[in-house]
């Protein structure tokens, strides 16, 4: 539970604290603020929602439950550990969950009784891991990095031969209203608010949004009239969620100091087709991209 790790090559040393290896690099101010804000989020919204399994499988499609069986898996940006838990339940041989923030405390508590799950605190840019992974997924993380492409390149280098990588990334397409309206507000105001104030603001916004989701989008979202509804595909998708989960989603969209909305063309420019036998880049709710790469 307590100890340290040392490197003979560079002479570096890193602590093992409360059962978690801590490979924390020096962080730029923006990275530090992002880690602090997400740390607060995942140590506040620690609940489990039954919808998590469906959401996760939607994000990593075409990887299904059976895809995890017997694999060594990396959860890159594990947050509170919900996808590491699901990977374990899907019979992964070993799951390493990594996060930069204090969310690792929650992830460790939730997974400490799962013998095939291990939580590490560290940066995607400098993971102390060998290229031994059969499968790596990064859900909702790449677009919060200072350089999303660099994050992608770091992760793919950790794959074994015939390994696979899944990423879920905010899309540029169909998100103009967020890019030009919400993004500046988030960058300049909400991500700098005291956490208790942002939580209160998010709660008030959820009080307004939640009835609309239930009374309008849940009832009409799959009917022909839905084409007239604003942001229909995404809002219909989340309309079945609980109040607390919608509350956490609203908070999540307002808390990040860094968030990129990335076009399909830009993601395609990262990928060298010769590296992968299978490339799947598909819409998710017509506002984000799910990318699956198989070596």
Foldseek 3Di string as FASTA:
>chain_A
DWDKDADPVPGDIFIQDPNATEPEDDDDPQVVLQQALLQVLLVVLVDDFPCVQVVVCLQQPPCDLQNQAQWEEEAEACQLNPVVVSSVVSHHQAYEYEHQHNSLVNNCVVCVPRVRYGYYYYHLLDDPAALRGQEYEYEPDLQLDPHSLSSVVSVVRSHDAQHKYKYKAFAPPPCPCCVVPVLVCLQPPQQPDPPVVLLVVLLVVLVVLLVCLQVPLCVPLPPPVVVPPRLRLVSNVCSVTDSSVSSSVSSVSRRRNGGDHYHPVVVVVSDDPVVFPDWDWDDDSRGIIMIMTTD
